[in-house]
Protein backbone atom coordinates (compact mmCIF):
# COMPACT_ATOMS: atom_id res chain seq x y z
CA MET A 1 -11.49 -51.41 -23.94
CA ARG A 2 -14.58 -49.42 -23.23
CA LYS A 3 -13.63 -49.31 -19.56
CA TYR A 4 -10.23 -47.74 -20.30
CA LEU A 5 -11.78 -45.31 -22.77
CA PHE A 6 -14.28 -44.20 -20.10
CA ILE A 7 -11.48 -43.67 -17.55
CA PHE A 8 -9.43 -41.69 -20.12
CA MET A 9 -12.44 -39.48 -20.89
CA CYS A 10 -13.11 -38.83 -17.21
CA LEU A 11 -9.43 -37.97 -16.64
CA SER A 12 -9.45 -35.61 -19.63
CA LEU A 13 -12.55 -33.80 -18.34
CA THR A 14 -10.96 -33.42 -14.89
CA LEU A 15 -7.76 -32.00 -16.29
CA GLN A 16 -9.72 -29.57 -18.54
CA ALA A 17 -12.14 -28.35 -15.88
CA GLN A 18 -12.89 -24.66 -15.50
CA TYR A 19 -12.52 -23.16 -12.04
CA ASN A 20 -13.80 -20.18 -10.08
CA ALA A 21 -11.48 -19.29 -7.23
CA LEU A 22 -12.17 -16.79 -4.45
CA TYR A 23 -9.28 -15.15 -2.65
CA ALA A 24 -9.12 -12.91 0.44
CA TYR A 25 -6.68 -10.17 -0.36
CA LYS A 26 -5.38 -8.57 2.84
CA PHE A 27 -3.05 -5.62 2.63
CA VAL A 28 -1.53 -2.83 4.70
CA PRO A 29 -2.14 0.56 2.95
CA ASP A 30 0.31 2.38 5.16
CA PRO A 31 3.55 0.50 6.12
CA ASN A 32 3.89 2.78 9.19
CA LYS A 33 0.55 1.50 10.50
CA LYS A 34 0.80 -2.29 10.52
CA ASP A 35 -2.36 -2.68 12.53
CA SER A 36 -4.47 -0.91 9.87
CA THR A 37 -5.43 -3.43 7.17
CA ILE A 38 -7.96 -3.75 4.35
CA THR A 39 -9.39 -7.00 3.14
CA ASN A 40 -11.10 -7.57 -0.18
CA LEU A 41 -12.51 -10.60 -1.97
CA MET A 42 -10.91 -11.19 -5.32
CA THR A 43 -12.07 -13.61 -8.02
CA LEU A 44 -9.91 -15.68 -10.31
CA GLU A 45 -11.76 -17.32 -13.24
CA ILE A 46 -9.86 -20.00 -15.08
CA SER A 47 -11.12 -21.24 -18.50
CA ILE A 48 -10.63 -24.56 -20.19
CA ASP A 49 -8.23 -23.04 -22.72
CA LYS A 50 -5.76 -21.92 -20.03
CA LYS A 51 -6.90 -18.34 -19.89
CA SER A 52 -7.74 -16.57 -16.64
CA LYS A 53 -9.26 -13.35 -15.36
CA PHE A 54 -8.50 -11.80 -11.90
CA TYR A 55 -10.67 -9.00 -10.53
CA ASN A 56 -12.47 -7.58 -7.53
CA ASP A 57 -16.05 -8.83 -7.52
CA ASP A 58 -17.19 -7.49 -4.11
CA LYS A 59 -19.71 -5.20 -5.77
CA LYS A 60 -21.80 -8.15 -6.78
CA ARG A 61 -21.74 -9.86 -3.42
CA SER A 62 -24.08 -9.21 -0.51
CA ASP A 63 -22.64 -8.23 2.83
CA SER A 64 -24.17 -11.32 4.42
CA LEU A 65 -22.41 -13.59 1.92
CA ASN A 66 -19.10 -11.87 2.46
CA ASN A 67 -19.36 -12.12 6.26
CA ASN A 68 -20.39 -15.78 6.07
CA LEU A 69 -17.50 -16.68 3.80
CA LEU A 70 -14.95 -14.98 5.99
CA GLN A 71 -16.26 -16.25 9.30
CA ASN A 72 -16.05 -19.80 8.01
CA ASN A 73 -12.94 -19.73 5.87
CA PHE A 74 -10.70 -16.73 6.53
CA ARG A 75 -8.47 -16.20 9.50
CA ASP A 76 -9.30 -12.47 9.83
CA GLY A 77 -13.02 -11.55 9.85
CA ASN A 78 -12.53 -7.84 9.08
CA LEU A 79 -13.79 -7.45 5.51
CA ALA A 80 -13.90 -3.99 3.98
CA SER A 81 -16.51 -2.87 1.49
CA TYR A 82 -15.57 -2.73 -2.22
CA ASN A 83 -12.14 -1.13 -2.45
CA VAL A 84 -11.71 0.92 -5.56
CA ASN A 85 -7.91 0.62 -5.35
CA THR A 86 -8.37 -2.91 -6.70
CA ASN A 87 -10.54 -1.97 -9.68
CA TYR A 88 -8.04 -3.34 -12.17
CA ILE A 89 -8.49 -6.56 -14.12
CA ILE A 90 -5.60 -8.91 -14.87
CA THR A 91 -5.90 -11.45 -17.64
CA LYS A 92 -3.46 -14.23 -18.44
CA ASP A 93 -3.11 -16.50 -21.43
CA LEU A 94 -0.84 -19.33 -20.28
CA LYS A 95 -0.57 -20.80 -23.80
CA LYS A 96 0.86 -17.52 -25.06
CA ASP A 97 2.69 -16.78 -21.80
CA GLU A 98 0.89 -13.39 -21.78
CA THR A 99 -0.17 -11.30 -18.82
CA VAL A 100 -2.18 -8.03 -19.28
CA TYR A 101 -3.07 -5.34 -16.78
CA HIS A 102 -6.39 -3.65 -17.67
CA PHE A 103 -7.67 -0.41 -16.09
CA ILE A 104 -9.56 2.82 -16.78
CA TYR A 105 -7.91 6.25 -16.64
CA SER A 106 -9.90 9.46 -17.14
CA GLY A 107 -12.71 7.45 -18.71
CA VAL A 108 -10.41 5.73 -21.29
CA LYS A 109 -9.94 1.95 -21.25
CA MET A 110 -6.25 1.08 -21.21
CA LYS A 111 -3.99 -1.94 -20.89
CA ILE A 112 -0.36 -2.70 -20.17
CA LEU A 113 1.32 -5.82 -21.45
CA GLU A 114 3.34 -7.31 -18.59
CA LYS A 115 6.78 -8.36 -19.83
CA GLU A 116 8.34 -9.34 -16.50
CA LYS A 117 7.37 -12.77 -15.19
CA PRO A 118 8.05 -14.28 -11.70
CA SER A 119 11.11 -16.53 -11.64
CA TRP A 120 10.40 -19.20 -9.05
CA GLU A 121 12.64 -21.25 -6.73
CA VAL A 122 10.73 -24.27 -5.50
CA LYS A 123 11.57 -25.42 -1.93
CA LYS A 124 11.15 -28.85 -0.25
CA GLU A 125 9.15 -27.38 2.64
CA THR A 126 5.44 -28.29 2.78
CA ARG A 127 2.45 -27.33 4.95
CA LYS A 128 -1.24 -27.91 4.90
CA ILE A 129 -3.55 -25.01 4.16
CA GLY A 130 -7.18 -25.88 4.51
CA ASP A 131 -7.75 -29.11 2.59
CA TYR A 132 -4.57 -28.79 0.50
CA LEU A 133 -1.06 -30.03 1.10
CA CYS A 134 1.08 -27.26 -0.31
CA GLN A 135 4.70 -26.82 -1.26
CA LYS A 136 6.73 -23.67 -0.79
CA ALA A 137 8.18 -21.49 -3.58
CA VAL A 138 9.85 -18.06 -3.50
CA THR A 139 10.43 -15.24 -5.96
CA ASN A 140 11.63 -11.67 -6.13
CA TYR A 141 9.04 -9.83 -8.18
CA LYS A 142 8.53 -6.12 -8.70
CA GLY A 143 10.74 -5.11 -5.73
CA ARG A 144 9.29 -7.56 -3.16
CA GLU A 145 10.28 -10.99 -1.90
CA TRP A 146 7.23 -13.29 -2.26
CA ILE A 147 6.51 -16.62 -0.56
CA ALA A 148 3.99 -18.84 -2.30
CA TRP A 149 2.31 -22.08 -1.26
CA PHE A 150 1.03 -24.20 -4.15
CA SER A 151 -0.77 -27.47 -4.56
CA ASN A 152 -0.09 -29.87 -7.43
CA LYS A 153 -3.36 -31.65 -6.67
CA ILE A 154 -5.17 -28.87 -8.50
CA PRO A 155 -4.35 -29.22 -12.24
CA VAL A 156 -3.97 -25.45 -12.88
CA PHE A 157 -0.65 -23.63 -13.12
CA ASP A 158 -2.06 -20.24 -12.14
CA GLY A 159 -2.68 -18.00 -9.16
CA PRO A 160 -3.90 -14.55 -7.99
CA TYR A 161 -2.74 -11.25 -9.34
CA LYS A 162 0.09 -11.62 -11.89
CA PHE A 163 1.44 -14.80 -10.31
CA SER A 164 1.69 -18.05 -12.31
CA GLY A 165 4.22 -20.53 -13.63
CA LEU A 166 4.44 -22.90 -10.70
CA PRO A 167 3.77 -26.70 -11.13
CA GLY A 168 0.44 -26.35 -9.39
CA PHE A 169 -2.19 -23.91 -8.15
CA ILE A 170 -1.26 -21.08 -5.73
CA VAL A 171 -3.25 -21.47 -2.55
CA GLU A 172 -1.58 -18.64 -0.65
CA ILE A 173 1.03 -16.05 -1.53
CA HIS A 174 2.35 -13.09 0.51
CA ASP A 175 5.36 -10.86 0.58
CA GLU A 176 7.94 -11.47 3.25
CA LYS A 177 6.67 -8.52 5.36
CA LYS A 178 3.09 -9.81 5.05
CA GLU A 179 1.92 -6.39 3.81
CA HIS A 180 0.16 -8.03 0.89
CA ASP A 181 -1.43 -11.46 1.31
CA PHE A 182 -3.63 -13.52 -0.98
CA LEU A 183 -5.35 -16.57 0.56
CA LEU A 184 -7.61 -19.00 -1.28
CA ILE A 185 -10.91 -19.38 0.64
CA LYS A 186 -13.08 -21.09 -1.95
CA LEU A 187 -12.52 -23.09 -5.15
CA LYS A 188 -15.17 -24.62 -7.30
CA LYS A 189 -15.52 -25.97 -10.84
CA ASP A 190 -17.53 -23.59 -13.03
CA SER A 191 -18.76 -24.60 -16.52
CA THR A 192 -20.31 -21.16 -17.14
CA ILE A 193 -17.01 -19.21 -17.52
CA ASN A 194 -16.80 -17.64 -20.97
CA PHE A 195 -14.41 -14.77 -21.62
CA CYS A 196 -15.60 -12.39 -24.30
CA ASN A 197 -13.05 -10.28 -26.21
CA SER A 198 -13.69 -6.75 -25.11
CA THR A 199 -10.10 -5.52 -25.40
CA ALA A 200 -10.42 -4.10 -28.92
CA THR A 201 -11.33 -0.66 -27.58
CA GLU A 202 -8.44 -0.52 -25.13
CA LYS A 203 -5.47 1.73 -25.63
CA GLU A 204 -2.17 -0.08 -25.03
CA ILE A 205 0.38 1.97 -23.09
CA THR A 206 3.57 1.27 -21.12
CA LYS A 207 4.11 1.49 -17.31
CA ASP A 208 6.35 4.56 -17.89
CA GLN A 209 3.54 6.27 -19.76
CA LEU A 210 1.12 5.53 -16.93
CA ASN A 211 3.52 6.96 -14.34
CA LYS A 212 3.90 10.18 -16.36
CA MET A 213 0.09 10.55 -16.57
CA LEU A 214 -0.26 10.06 -12.82
CA ASN A 215 2.56 12.45 -12.05
CA SER A 216 1.16 15.11 -14.33
CA SER A 217 -2.16 15.15 -12.47
CA SER A 218 -0.72 15.01 -8.98
CA GLY A 219 0.23 18.66 -8.65
CA SER A 220 -3.28 19.80 -7.74
CA ILE A 221 -5.85 17.54 -6.23
CA ASN A 222 -8.58 19.43 -8.03
CA GLY A 223 -6.90 18.65 -11.33
CA SER A 224 -7.11 14.93 -10.51
CA ILE A 225 -10.93 14.99 -10.12
CA LYS A 226 -12.94 13.60 -12.96
CA SER A 227 -16.44 14.03 -11.48
CA MET A 228 -18.24 14.61 -8.14
CA ASN A 229 -21.60 13.47 -6.86
CA VAL A 230 -23.30 14.45 -3.60
CA SER A 231 -25.90 12.24 -1.89
CA GLY A 232 -27.00 13.28 1.63
CA ASP A 233 -23.88 13.98 3.65
CA ILE A 234 -21.59 11.97 1.38
CA ALA A 235 -19.57 13.52 -1.46
CA THR A 236 -18.28 10.93 -3.92
CA PHE A 237 -15.26 11.91 -6.05
CA THR A 238 -14.26 9.92 -9.13
CA MET A 239 -10.58 10.51 -9.81
CA LYS A 240 -8.95 10.47 -13.26
CA ASP A 241 -6.98 7.37 -12.37
CA GLY A 242 -10.23 5.44 -11.75
CA ASN A 243 -10.13 5.74 -7.95
CA VAL A 244 -13.40 6.61 -6.19
CA VAL A 245 -13.26 8.44 -2.81
CA GLN A 246 -16.15 9.07 -0.44
CA ILE A 247 -15.99 11.98 2.10
CA ASN A 248 -18.45 13.50 4.51
CA LYS A 249 -19.24 16.89 2.98
CA ASN A 250 -19.38 18.51 6.39
CA VAL A 251 -15.62 18.08 7.14
CA GLU A 252 -13.69 21.29 7.80
CA ASN A 253 -11.67 21.17 4.53
CA ILE A 254 -12.83 18.80 1.79
CA GLU A 255 -9.78 19.45 -0.40
CA VAL A 256 -7.36 18.49 2.43
CA GLU A 257 -9.37 15.41 3.36
CA LEU A 258 -9.59 14.33 -0.26
CA SER A 259 -5.85 14.70 -0.69
CA LYS A 260 -5.23 12.55 2.36
CA LYS A 261 -7.53 9.78 1.15
CA VAL A 262 -6.14 9.79 -2.39
CA LYS A 263 -2.63 9.38 -0.91
CA ARG A 264 -3.72 6.76 1.59
CA ASN A 265 -2.23 3.83 -0.18
CA LEU A 266 1.44 4.49 0.47
CA ASN A 267 2.32 0.81 0.13
CA PRO A 268 1.75 -0.36 -3.48
CA ILE A 269 1.95 -4.03 -4.26
CA GLU A 270 4.68 -3.29 -6.84
CA LEU A 271 7.68 -1.31 -5.62
CA GLU A 272 9.44 -1.22 -9.00
């Protein structure tokens, strides 16, 4: 009896483990320049109570660690420095079937409750990715066709960005044009994960309200600037939408260069 109780307890602990997943997010900022890509490391923390947090944690990593991880685990070794276009945080509560997009606009903490969920079609096709035998699934989400590879050997029904709901853990997911690609490069159990409730000060808005705010500040690039800091030859602009842009102050026309960089990402992950 004790033997079976011990086995049951071990199985329960395994199923309730907390995980820290590291993804390489590779995307093409300009669809007209397929050979120009940016790669960032993104973290997915998964708690024991089926909550998760997805964010860019490159700021906290040393360059040597980033390079070592990519050289040993990722198929493309070109890793960019911290990319402010991924400064959002996405939280999920799988028990409540709730996904929330968190961001800062003009110094104000905001959040958008995501109502649309991916609707998956699981395929029979399988392939091995790293140490995991994965099964294929597809979905049309936010204007893109997505292809996911998930493993049911990992007892978590979650994945990067806003993706979840498959009968396993998403090891890789990319759109059909491979302009946005998330690949798992490291997964470990982590007993230190503890999400604190810091959303009380956030203002809840809709996606339409966010688009109106962005459109209203897009007429003049100067009107989109929240603050500027100059250090040596580098001018750092913090934009009202939370983006941070660095420009050499000696360029011929800072305003034109700033406008180009702000508009650089012509290929958002969500088309709708």
